[in-house]
Amino acid sequence: MADARTLEIQENYRYFQTVVSDLMKSHAGMYALLHSQTLVEVCPKPLDAMIEGRKRYSDGVFSVQMVTDRPVDLG
């Protein structure tokens, strides 16, 4: 059985796929902070999104996705 973080990442990615086309128009190449299948913030750098995610969600249950229409694994 997958842990909470893994499930969050999977669910956030499914959500991200539904909004990436719109995000590409104004945020291509930036980094989306996602939590509970919601776009929380878009940051210019992955580290910025990670820092913001850790500030908001101390349990570490969030994900960061590069705004691109190609698959990218950020770990």
C-alpha atoms as a PDB file:
ATOM      1  CA  MET A   1       0.000   0.000   0.000  1.00  0.00           C
ATOM      2  CA  ALA A   2       1.304   3.462  -0.928  1.00  0.00           C
ATOM      3  CA  ASP A   3       2.052   6.011   1.779  1.00  0.00           C
ATOM      4  CA  ALA A   4       0.302   9.396   2.073  1.00  0.00           C
ATOM      5  CA  ARG A   5       3.061  11.299   0.260  1.00  0.00           C
ATOM      6  CA  THR A   6       3.067   8.903  -2.694  1.00  0.00           C
ATOM      7  CA  LEU A   7      -0.715   9.084  -2.998  1.00  0.00           C
ATOM      8  CA  GLU A   8      -0.602  12.887  -2.801  1.00  0.00           C
ATOM      9  CA  ILE A   9       1.969  13.041  -5.599  1.00  0.00           C
ATOM     10  CA  GLN A  10      -0.059  10.705  -7.806  1.00  0.00           C
ATOM     11  CA  GLU A  11      -3.307  12.587  -7.227  1.00  0.00           C
ATOM     12  CA  ASN A  12      -1.651  15.974  -7.682  1.00  0.00           C
ATOM     13  CA  TYR A  13      -0.099  14.835 -10.963  1.00  0.00           C
ATOM     14  CA  ARG A  14      -3.480  13.699 -12.275  1.00  0.00           C
ATOM     15  CA  TYR A  15      -4.875  17.113 -11.341  1.00  0.00           C
ATOM     16  CA  PHE A  16      -1.866  18.885 -12.874  1.00  0.00           C
ATOM     17  CA  GLN A  17      -2.487  17.146 -16.186  1.00  0.00           C
ATOM     18  CA  THR A  18      -5.948  18.756 -16.317  1.00  0.00           C
ATOM     19  CA  VAL A  19      -4.590  22.307 -15.870  1.00  0.00           C
ATOM     20  CA  VAL A  20      -1.177  22.222 -17.546  1.00  0.00           C
ATOM     21  CA  SER A  21      -2.475  23.541 -20.890  1.00  0.00           C
ATOM     22  CA  ASP A  22      -3.758  26.707 -19.223  1.00  0.00           C
ATOM     23  CA  LEU A  23      -0.606  27.085 -17.115  1.00  0.00           C
ATOM     24  CA  MET A  24       1.595  26.794 -20.214  1.00  0.00           C
ATOM     25  CA  LYS A  25       0.144  30.056 -21.537  1.00  0.00           C
ATOM     26  CA  SER A  26       1.648  32.201 -18.779  1.00  0.00           C
ATOM     27  CA  HIS A  27       3.863  30.000 -16.581  1.00  0.00           C
ATOM     28  CA  ALA A  28       5.805  27.703 -18.929  1.00  0.00           C
ATOM     29  CA  GLY A  29       9.103  26.602 -17.390  1.00  0.00           C
ATOM     30  CA  MET A  30       8.078  27.629 -13.876  1.00  0.00           C
ATOM     31  CA  TYR A  31       7.265  25.285 -10.964  1.00  0.00           C
ATOM     32  CA  ALA A  32       3.810  24.569  -9.591  1.00  0.00           C
ATOM     33  CA  LEU A  33       3.316  23.834  -5.903  1.00  0.00           C
ATOM     34  CA  LEU A  34       0.399  21.427  -5.542  1.00  0.00           C
ATOM     35  CA  HIS A  35      -1.481  20.229  -2.474  1.00  0.00           C
ATOM     36  CA  SER A  36      -4.725  18.254  -2.264  1.00  0.00           C
ATOM     37  CA  GLN A  37      -5.263  18.467  -6.016  1.00  0.00           C
ATOM     38  CA  THR A  38      -5.053  22.252  -5.887  1.00  0.00           C
ATOM     39  CA  LEU A  39      -2.582  24.667  -7.457  1.00  0.00           C
ATOM     40  CA  VAL A  40      -1.231  26.574  -4.471  1.00  0.00           C
ATOM     41  CA  GLU A  41       1.421  28.755  -6.091  1.00  0.00           C
ATOM     42  CA  VAL A  42       3.675  29.002  -9.146  1.00  0.00           C
ATOM     43  CA  CYS A  43       7.344  29.768  -8.486  1.00  0.00           C
ATOM     44  CA  PRO A  44      10.232  30.650 -10.802  1.00  0.00           C
ATOM     45  CA  LYS A  45      12.596  28.012  -9.365  1.00  0.00           C
ATOM     46  CA  PRO A  46      12.027  24.498  -8.010  1.00  0.00           C
ATOM     47  CA  LEU A  47      13.782  25.367  -4.754  1.00  0.00           C
ATOM     48  CA  ASP A  48      11.380  28.275  -4.211  1.00  0.00           C
ATOM     49  CA  ALA A  49       8.419  25.914  -4.597  1.00  0.00           C
ATOM     50  CA  MET A  50       9.989  23.364  -2.236  1.00  0.00           C
ATOM     51  CA  ILE A  51      10.689  25.995   0.420  1.00  0.00           C
ATOM     52  CA  GLU A  52       7.150  27.339   0.168  1.00  0.00           C
ATOM     53  CA  GLY A  53       5.738  23.807   0.348  1.00  0.00           C
ATOM     54  CA  ARG A  54       7.729  23.018   3.489  1.00  0.00           C
ATOM     55  CA  LYS A  55       6.628  26.283   5.108  1.00  0.00           C
ATOM     56  CA  ARG A  56       2.961  25.579   4.434  1.00  0.00           C
ATOM     57  CA  TYR A  57       2.919  21.778   4.886  1.00  0.00           C
ATOM     58  CA  SER A  58       5.291  20.676   7.624  1.00  0.00           C
ATOM     59  CA  ASP A  59       4.257  17.051   7.106  1.00  0.00           C
ATOM     60  CA  GLY A  60       5.895  17.202   3.644  1.00  0.00           C
ATOM     61  CA  VAL A  61       2.723  16.067   1.885  1.00  0.00           C
ATOM     62  CA  PHE A  62       2.762  18.257  -1.241  1.00  0.00           C
ATOM     63  CA  SER A  63       4.306  18.076  -4.676  1.00  0.00           C
ATOM     64  CA  VAL A  64       6.162  20.289  -7.128  1.00  0.00           C
ATOM     65  CA  GLN A  65       5.733  19.956 -10.877  1.00  0.00           C
ATOM     66  CA  MET A  66       7.516  21.815 -13.659  1.00  0.00           C
ATOM     67  CA  VAL A  67       5.041  23.614 -15.896  1.00  0.00           C
ATOM     68  CA  THR A  68       5.682  21.817 -19.151  1.00  0.00           C
ATOM     69  CA  ASP A  69       3.678  19.660 -21.482  1.00  0.00           C
ATOM     70  CA  ARG A  70       6.447  17.008 -21.428  1.00  0.00           C
ATOM     71  CA  PRO A  71       6.820  14.536 -18.532  1.00  0.00           C
ATOM     72  CA  VAL A  72       9.527  15.584 -16.039  1.00  0.00           C
ATOM     73  CA  ASP A  73      10.518  13.642 -12.914  1.00  0.00           C
ATOM     74  CA  LEU A  74      11.637  16.022 -10.164  1.00  0.00           C
ATOM     75  CA  GLY A  75      12.115  13.194  -7.690  1.00  0.00           C
END
